[in-house]
Amino acid sequence: MTTELDLVPAVSIRASSTVDIEDLIERFLAGDRLALAKALTRIERGGGESEQILERVHGRAGRAIRLGVTGPPGAGKSTVVSALIRQYREAGKTVGVVAVDPSSSFTGGALLGDRVRMQEFATDRGVFIRSMASRGRLGGLSGATLDATLLMDAFGLDIVFIETVGVGQSEIDVAEAVDTTLVVISPESGDGIQALKAGLMEVADLFVVNKCDREGADRLERELLLTQDILDDHSEKRQPEIVRTSAANGMGILELIEAIDRHQEFMQREGRLSRRRRENLARQLRAMLAERMERLFFGSSRMRSDFEEAVRLAEVREETLHRAVGRLVQNFLDRDSQDASS
């Protein structure tokens, strides 16, 4: 039997937790970098504290320029990002980086931590770098990654990068979270253009031919131009610029920043930046809604049982998947109605 005394520790813990979160949010709003780090940790954990933080700070977001950096492994994405950070810092801009790393199959944590990446910025208070695990999510960027960019934006950082791991759906999905997408490729990226997915070609706002001082860079640029002509469907999307860099030597980085600025100016002038941000928010909302609905659906033991039965019927060809979906949705709605009336 539960007594009032039994409830005291739990209440105290909840009250203490609320006070801690309030203090964390206040320090975050005051520009405390340690508070940003702790807020990011809570965002990765998810749950009520995460939602409480986002609820309080999201109104301050929307001012940062969000840049996505993606492309095949070995193209030098991190080197390009590091070179861009250097130039932005010289211009007095503050920078945040969310580096999406492969997940450890044992811990779910990022294999490449922010202490390994971009060490030269470790003591620069104008740069904040956070590695986040992809957690094996095949559908692309995790919700925590998107929330992390929002936190860095709300914190007041001028430029926020998302650098993808370079494999999987996150290569393409990064374009749905940023204002400008940089696709980095080098002469050493496998078979050149063959290393790029068609979808990745289509989401690029800028192509960065990195390691341009290596043999094959001219051929790679010609292939990009040819492929662009083939893929051009006469849509209103602006033809991506191609910028040559050798990021390890700092070559072409100023030209790359100028190209980023031109794309930003074009998007703002044509009214496309606000439209893209709205479309990105709509896609993220749909994804979150689908995820929440799936949790609600499978939170019922009866619905899980119905689902397994539907799989069995489809396997023995007694029911089509389309009919199964219709039946499962109807069962879910009926269950919801019964719960509401009881």
Protein backbone atom coordinates (compact mmCIF):
# COMPACT_ATOMS: atom_id res chain seq x y z
CA MET A 1 0.00 0.00 0.00
CA THR A 2 1.34 3.43 -1.00
CA THR A 3 1.44 6.06 1.75
CA GLU A 4 1.90 9.84 1.60
CA LEU A 5 5.43 9.33 2.91
CA ASP A 6 6.22 7.07 -0.05
CA LEU A 7 5.32 9.91 -2.42
CA VAL A 8 7.60 12.53 -0.89
CA PRO A 9 10.89 11.50 -2.55
CA ALA A 10 9.30 11.30 -6.00
CA VAL A 11 7.69 14.71 -5.65
CA SER A 12 10.96 16.18 -4.40
CA ILE A 13 12.85 14.73 -7.34
CA ARG A 14 10.32 16.11 -9.83
CA ALA A 15 10.38 19.53 -8.19
CA SER A 16 14.17 19.53 -8.14
CA SER A 17 14.23 18.49 -11.80
CA THR A 18 11.90 21.35 -12.73
CA VAL A 19 14.08 23.85 -10.86
CA ASP A 20 17.19 22.47 -12.59
CA ILE A 21 15.61 22.81 -16.04
CA GLU A 22 14.45 26.36 -15.31
CA ASP A 23 17.95 27.28 -14.19
CA LEU A 24 19.42 25.62 -17.29
CA ILE A 25 17.07 27.55 -19.59
CA GLU A 26 17.84 30.85 -17.87
CA ARG A 27 21.59 30.26 -18.26
CA PHE A 28 21.05 29.24 -21.90
CA LEU A 29 19.14 32.45 -22.58
CA ALA A 30 21.97 34.40 -20.92
CA GLY A 31 24.50 32.93 -23.37
CA ASP A 32 26.13 30.30 -21.15
CA ARG A 33 27.93 27.81 -23.44
CA LEU A 34 27.89 25.11 -20.77
CA ALA A 35 24.10 25.48 -20.61
CA LEU A 36 23.95 24.98 -24.38
CA ALA A 37 25.99 21.78 -24.05
CA LYS A 38 23.73 20.45 -21.30
CA ALA A 39 20.60 21.42 -23.23
CA LEU A 40 21.89 19.48 -26.25
CA THR A 41 22.45 16.43 -24.04
CA ARG A 42 18.85 16.60 -22.84
CA ILE A 43 17.63 17.03 -26.41
CA GLU A 44 19.42 13.81 -27.37
CA ARG A 45 17.74 11.99 -24.47
CA GLY A 46 14.30 13.22 -25.54
CA GLY A 47 11.29 13.20 -23.24
CA GLY A 48 9.60 15.91 -21.21
CA GLU A 49 12.73 17.92 -20.36
CA SER A 50 13.62 18.13 -24.05
CA GLU A 51 10.17 19.43 -24.95
CA GLN A 52 10.27 21.92 -22.06
CA ILE A 53 13.56 23.38 -23.28
CA LEU A 54 12.41 23.63 -26.89
CA GLU A 55 9.14 25.24 -25.84
CA ARG A 56 11.01 28.02 -24.05
CA VAL A 57 13.70 28.80 -26.64
CA HIS A 58 12.20 28.09 -30.06
CA GLY A 59 10.88 31.65 -30.42
CA ARG A 60 14.48 32.91 -30.57
CA ALA A 61 15.37 30.70 -33.56
CA GLY A 62 15.12 31.60 -37.24
CA ARG A 63 17.98 34.08 -37.52
CA ALA A 64 20.94 31.77 -38.25
CA ILE A 65 21.99 30.75 -41.74
CA ARG A 66 21.75 26.95 -41.87
CA LEU A 67 24.18 25.18 -44.17
CA GLY A 68 24.15 21.48 -45.01
CA VAL A 69 27.38 19.76 -46.04
CA THR A 70 27.10 16.31 -47.53
CA GLY A 71 28.61 14.03 -50.16
CA PRO A 72 30.34 10.67 -50.48
CA PRO A 73 32.88 9.44 -47.91
CA GLY A 74 36.43 10.61 -48.47
CA ALA A 75 35.49 13.83 -50.27
CA GLY A 76 36.82 15.98 -47.42
CA LYS A 77 33.59 17.33 -45.93
CA SER A 78 35.07 17.96 -42.47
CA THR A 79 38.08 19.69 -44.03
CA VAL A 80 35.78 21.95 -46.05
CA VAL A 81 33.70 22.76 -42.94
CA SER A 82 36.86 23.53 -40.94
CA ALA A 83 38.12 25.88 -43.66
CA LEU A 84 34.75 27.63 -43.82
CA ILE A 85 34.68 28.04 -40.02
CA ARG A 86 38.13 29.65 -40.16
CA GLN A 87 36.95 32.23 -42.69
CA TYR A 88 33.68 32.94 -40.93
CA ARG A 89 35.52 33.46 -37.64
CA GLU A 90 37.91 35.91 -39.31
CA ALA A 91 34.80 37.80 -40.43
CA GLY A 92 33.56 37.89 -36.82
CA LYS A 93 30.76 35.33 -37.27
CA THR A 94 29.90 32.74 -34.63
CA VAL A 95 29.50 29.16 -35.83
CA GLY A 96 27.80 25.98 -34.71
CA VAL A 97 28.30 22.52 -36.20
CA VAL A 98 26.13 19.44 -35.80
CA ALA A 99 28.29 16.57 -37.08
CA VAL A 100 26.15 13.50 -37.73
CA ASP A 101 28.27 10.42 -37.02
CA PRO A 102 27.70 6.69 -37.40
CA SER A 103 26.20 5.11 -34.31
CA SER A 104 27.94 2.54 -32.20
CA SER A 105 25.97 -0.69 -32.44
CA PHE A 106 26.75 -1.29 -28.74
CA THR A 107 26.05 2.07 -27.12
CA GLY A 108 24.11 4.04 -29.72
CA GLY A 109 26.62 6.86 -29.26
CA ALA A 110 28.61 8.67 -31.92
CA LEU A 111 31.84 6.94 -32.91
CA LEU A 112 33.56 10.18 -33.87
CA GLY A 113 33.27 12.63 -30.99
CA ASP A 114 33.57 16.40 -31.11
CA ARG A 115 36.95 16.12 -29.37
CA VAL A 116 38.33 14.25 -32.38
CA ARG A 117 36.90 16.60 -34.98
CA MET A 118 38.21 20.10 -35.68
CA GLN A 119 40.55 20.31 -32.70
CA GLU A 120 41.85 23.74 -33.66
CA PHE A 121 38.53 25.31 -32.57
CA ALA A 122 38.42 23.63 -29.16
CA THR A 123 39.30 26.84 -27.31
CA ASP A 124 37.40 29.22 -29.62
CA ARG A 125 34.34 30.49 -27.75
CA GLY A 126 32.82 31.60 -31.04
CA VAL A 127 32.59 28.00 -32.29
CA PHE A 128 30.42 25.21 -30.88
CA ILE A 129 30.79 21.71 -32.36
CA ARG A 130 28.61 18.78 -31.40
CA SER A 131 28.79 15.23 -32.74
CA MET A 132 25.45 13.45 -32.74
CA ALA A 133 24.76 9.80 -33.38
CA SER A 134 22.67 8.85 -36.38
CA ARG A 135 21.50 5.87 -34.27
CA GLY A 136 21.21 3.77 -37.39
CA ARG A 137 18.13 5.63 -38.52
CA LEU A 138 17.58 4.73 -42.18
CA GLY A 139 14.95 7.42 -42.69
CA GLY A 140 17.58 10.15 -42.55
CA LEU A 141 18.40 12.74 -39.92
CA SER A 142 17.14 12.05 -36.41
CA GLY A 143 14.75 14.43 -34.71
CA ALA A 144 17.47 15.22 -32.18
CA THR A 145 19.72 16.48 -35.00
CA LEU A 146 17.06 18.91 -36.17
CA ASP A 147 16.35 20.05 -32.62
CA ALA A 148 20.08 20.58 -32.05
CA THR A 149 20.28 22.99 -35.00
CA LEU A 150 17.28 24.86 -33.58
CA LEU A 151 19.02 25.16 -30.19
CA MET A 152 22.21 26.52 -31.77
CA ASP A 153 20.14 28.97 -33.79
CA ALA A 154 18.21 30.05 -30.67
CA PHE A 155 21.50 30.42 -28.78
CA GLY A 156 22.42 33.18 -31.22
CA LEU A 157 25.04 31.53 -33.42
CA ASP A 158 25.27 33.20 -36.85
CA ILE A 159 26.03 30.14 -38.98
CA VAL A 160 24.89 26.59 -38.21
CA PHE A 161 26.26 23.63 -40.20
CA ILE A 162 24.86 20.13 -40.44
CA GLU A 163 27.57 17.80 -41.70
CA THR A 164 26.30 14.35 -42.60
CA VAL A 165 28.11 11.06 -42.20
CA GLY A 166 28.17 10.66 -45.98
CA VAL A 167 26.21 7.42 -46.22
CA GLY A 168 22.52 6.60 -46.13
CA GLN A 169 19.36 8.67 -46.47
CA SER A 170 20.73 11.50 -44.31
CA GLU A 171 22.76 12.62 -47.34
CA ILE A 172 19.54 13.66 -49.05
CA ASP A 173 17.44 14.56 -46.02
CA VAL A 174 19.93 17.22 -44.90
CA ALA A 175 18.47 19.44 -47.64
CA GLU A 176 15.15 19.40 -45.78
CA ALA A 177 16.73 21.02 -42.72
CA VAL A 178 18.93 23.79 -44.14
CA ASP A 179 18.83 26.91 -46.29
CA THR A 180 21.74 25.99 -48.57
CA THR A 181 23.04 22.49 -49.34
CA LEU A 182 26.70 21.98 -50.27
CA VAL A 183 27.51 18.68 -51.97
CA VAL A 184 31.22 17.96 -51.65
CA ILE A 185 32.89 15.61 -54.12
CA SER A 186 36.52 15.02 -55.02
CA PRO A 187 38.45 13.22 -57.79
CA GLU A 188 39.09 10.48 -55.24
CA SER A 189 35.39 9.91 -54.40
CA GLY A 190 35.05 6.49 -55.97
CA ASP A 191 33.98 6.71 -59.60
CA GLY A 192 33.36 10.43 -59.63
CA ILE A 193 29.77 11.22 -60.51
CA GLN A 194 28.86 7.56 -60.12
CA ALA A 195 29.49 8.01 -56.40
CA LEU A 196 26.53 10.41 -56.19
CA LYS A 197 22.91 9.36 -55.98
CA ALA A 198 20.54 11.04 -58.41
CA GLY A 199 18.63 12.45 -55.43
CA LEU A 200 21.82 13.98 -54.05
CA MET A 201 22.50 15.64 -57.39
CA GLU A 202 19.03 17.16 -57.32
CA VAL A 203 19.19 18.62 -53.79
CA ALA A 204 22.53 20.37 -54.29
CA ASP A 205 22.51 24.17 -54.19
CA LEU A 206 26.28 24.25 -54.59
CA PHE A 207 28.74 21.62 -55.79
CA VAL A 208 32.16 21.75 -54.15
CA VAL A 209 34.88 20.02 -56.17
CA ASN A 210 37.36 19.55 -53.33
CA LYS A 211 41.01 18.49 -53.72
CA CYS A 212 40.91 20.37 -57.02
CA ASP A 213 44.71 20.28 -57.19
CA ARG A 214 44.55 16.51 -57.69
CA GLU A 215 44.50 14.74 -61.03
CA GLY A 216 40.99 14.26 -62.40
CA ALA A 217 39.45 17.49 -61.05
CA ASP A 218 38.90 18.94 -64.54
CA ARG A 219 37.22 15.74 -65.73
CA LEU A 220 35.03 15.68 -62.59
CA GLU A 221 33.85 19.24 -63.19
CA ARG A 222 32.99 18.43 -66.82
CA GLU A 223 31.01 15.39 -65.66
CA LEU A 224 29.11 17.55 -63.18
CA LEU A 225 28.20 20.06 -65.87
CA LEU A 226 27.08 17.28 -68.23
CA THR A 227 25.02 15.58 -65.53
CA GLN A 228 23.38 18.87 -64.61
CA ASP A 229 22.26 19.32 -68.22
CA ILE A 230 20.81 15.80 -68.27
CA LEU A 231 18.99 16.20 -64.94
CA ASP A 232 17.68 19.67 -65.74
CA ASP A 233 13.88 19.32 -65.77
CA HIS A 234 13.29 23.04 -66.37
CA SER A 235 12.01 23.45 -62.82
CA GLU A 236 12.36 26.76 -61.04
CA LYS A 237 15.32 25.47 -59.01
CA ARG A 238 18.42 27.56 -59.55
CA GLN A 239 21.23 25.80 -61.41
CA PRO A 240 23.84 24.90 -58.75
CA GLU A 241 27.17 26.69 -58.96
CA ILE A 242 30.34 24.61 -59.06
CA VAL A 243 33.17 25.84 -56.83
CA ARG A 244 36.66 24.32 -56.86
CA THR A 245 38.48 24.08 -53.54
CA SER A 246 41.49 22.53 -51.95
CA ALA A 247 40.25 22.96 -48.42
CA ALA A 248 43.37 21.55 -46.77
CA ASN A 249 45.30 24.46 -48.29
CA GLY A 250 42.55 27.05 -47.94
CA MET A 251 42.28 27.33 -51.71
CA GLY A 252 38.88 28.45 -53.04
CA ILE A 253 37.27 28.91 -49.61
CA LEU A 254 36.64 32.65 -50.01
CA GLU A 255 35.10 31.89 -53.41
CA LEU A 256 32.92 29.25 -51.77
CA ILE A 257 31.67 31.73 -49.16
CA GLU A 258 30.88 34.20 -51.94
CA ALA A 259 28.90 31.47 -53.73
CA ILE A 260 27.00 30.71 -50.50
CA ASP A 261 26.24 34.43 -50.13
CA ARG A 262 25.01 34.60 -53.73
CA HIS A 263 22.69 31.66 -53.15
CA GLN A 264 21.34 33.22 -49.94
CA GLU A 265 20.77 36.56 -51.68
CA PHE A 266 19.01 34.82 -54.57
CA MET A 267 16.75 32.87 -52.20
CA GLN A 268 15.83 36.03 -50.27
CA ARG A 269 15.34 38.17 -53.37
CA GLU A 270 13.00 35.64 -54.98
CA GLY A 271 11.11 34.95 -51.75
CA ARG A 272 12.29 31.35 -51.77
CA LEU A 273 14.12 31.31 -48.46
CA SER A 274 10.95 31.75 -46.39
CA ARG A 275 9.15 29.24 -48.63
CA ARG A 276 11.91 26.67 -48.24
CA ARG A 277 11.95 27.10 -44.47
CA ARG A 278 8.17 26.68 -44.35
CA GLU A 279 8.34 23.54 -46.53
CA ASN A 280 11.11 22.15 -44.33
CA LEU A 281 9.00 22.75 -41.21
CA ALA A 282 6.03 21.04 -42.86
CA ARG A 283 8.13 17.97 -43.73
CA GLN A 284 9.56 17.79 -40.23
CA LEU A 285 6.07 18.11 -38.71
CA ARG A 286 4.76 15.29 -40.92
CA ALA A 287 7.68 13.07 -39.92
CA MET A 288 7.15 13.78 -36.22
CA LEU A 289 3.41 13.18 -36.57
CA ALA A 290 4.02 9.85 -38.32
CA GLU A 291 6.46 8.81 -35.59
CA ARG A 292 4.03 9.79 -32.83
CA MET A 293 1.14 7.95 -34.53
CA GLU A 294 3.28 4.83 -34.89
CA ARG A 295 4.05 4.91 -31.15
CA LEU A 296 0.36 5.31 -30.36
CA PHE A 297 -0.55 2.46 -32.68
CA PHE A 298 1.98 -0.02 -31.34
CA GLY A 299 1.43 1.12 -27.76
CA SER A 300 -1.66 -1.10 -27.75
CA SER A 301 -1.10 -4.82 -27.27
CA ARG A 302 -4.29 -5.48 -29.22
CA MET A 303 -3.04 -3.42 -32.18
CA ARG A 304 0.32 -5.20 -32.08
CA SER A 305 -1.54 -8.50 -32.20
CA ASP A 306 -3.70 -7.27 -35.10
CA PHE A 307 -0.54 -6.18 -36.92
CA GLU A 308 1.10 -9.59 -36.55
CA GLU A 309 -2.10 -11.23 -37.79
CA ALA A 310 -2.10 -8.91 -40.82
CA VAL A 311 1.48 -9.91 -41.61
CA ARG A 312 0.50 -13.58 -41.39
CA LEU A 313 -2.50 -13.13 -43.70
CA ALA A 314 -0.40 -11.23 -46.23
CA GLU A 315 2.30 -13.90 -46.10
CA VAL A 316 -0.18 -16.68 -47.00
CA ARG A 317 -1.79 -14.41 -49.60
CA GLU A 318 -5.17 -14.31 -47.87
CA GLU A 319 -5.19 -10.51 -47.67
CA THR A 320 -3.52 -7.71 -49.66
CA LEU A 321 -1.40 -5.14 -47.85
CA HIS A 322 -3.83 -2.42 -48.95
CA ARG A 323 -6.79 -4.22 -47.39
CA ALA A 324 -4.72 -4.94 -44.27
CA VAL A 325 -3.88 -1.26 -43.85
CA GLY A 326 -7.53 -0.29 -44.18
CA ARG A 327 -8.57 -2.89 -41.60
CA LEU A 328 -5.82 -1.91 -39.14
CA VAL A 329 -6.67 1.79 -39.39
CA GLN A 330 -10.36 1.04 -38.85
CA ASN A 331 -9.55 -1.16 -35.85
CA PHE A 332 -7.41 1.64 -34.41
CA LEU A 333 -10.19 4.21 -34.87
CA ASP A 334 -12.75 1.84 -33.34
CA ARG A 335 -10.44 1.29 -30.36
CA ASP A 336 -10.02 5.05 -29.97
CA SER A 337 -13.80 5.56 -30.02
CA GLN A 338 -14.29 2.87 -27.42
CA ASP A 339 -11.64 4.43 -25.17
CA ALA A 340 -13.26 7.84 -25.49
CA SER A 341 -16.71 6.57 -24.59
CA SER A 342 -15.58 4.47 -21.62
